[in-house]
Amino acid sequence: MIVGSFKTESEYSASPFSMPEVLQFSNYAKAWEVANMSSYFLNSMIITFASLVVTVLLGALAAFFLSRFEFKLRGPLYALFLLGMLIPIHATLIPIFIIMKNLSLLDTYLSLILPYTAFHLSLTIFILEGFMRGFPRDLEESAVIDGAGIYRIFWSIILPITRPAMATVIILNFIYNWNEYLFALVLISSESLKTLPLGIANFVGVETASLTLQMSALTIALVPIIIFYLILQKQLVNGMTAGAVKG
């Protein structure tokens, strides 16, 4: 796909799998302009990052509460959160549509931000709670002796140590929110609010027959995911090797 995006239409038709003779960077500029990707790209960025921030913040707070405090309803409350992982996401499409319509939130950013946040809270809490539960309580006890309050412990001690797990949930949430199509298709109707998957689907299916421009548009949509992964790669690797034992 990436190689094809740098070819001319005739060159791609003649030899789809060969390397391009001359890199056609103009394909990207043309795809960006013809597909109106600037508007779609901005909408996806707003919705993706807003839901990501809310999900990770709420998930981290809930995971901290469930992992570091013992109370009678901790088990049932944790099970209730995990129950959300068993619900098929797309089975909630019609109920969510009705709720958004009754709240007059259809065709707004919130109509996607709120469902995206709700969808991923369970998995976020599950990953972060398990990671936080493995922390020794000596860290918190030392902080309490030094006069740190509960909020200082959370922001200055727990969150920095949780960075590998945070990187995992951030990448998972980002990929889903960035690529989600069905809910955006049903809940968003205004052209000015459509996300990148909707815009690309329209561009690929209706607006153009040029395969090289289609590949250019798809490659542009892929770039943020790659950049996001590269930024968090170190933390992700640290998380995967956190339990390794030296021999």
Foldseek 3Di string as FASTA:
>chain_A
DVQLLQEDLVVCVVPVPDGHPGGRPVLLVVLCVLLVVVLQAVLLVVLLVLLLVLLLVVLLVLLCCLQPDDDDCSVVVLVVLLVLVVDDLVVCLVVLLVVCVVVVNFQHSCSRSVSLSSNQNSVSNVLLNVVQNPDDCVLVVVCVVVPDDPVCCSPPPSVVVCLLSSLVSSLVSNVCSLQPDDSLVSRHDDPSNRHLNVSLCCCPPPVDPRPSSSVSSVVVSCVVSVVSCVVSVVSNVCVVCVPPDDD
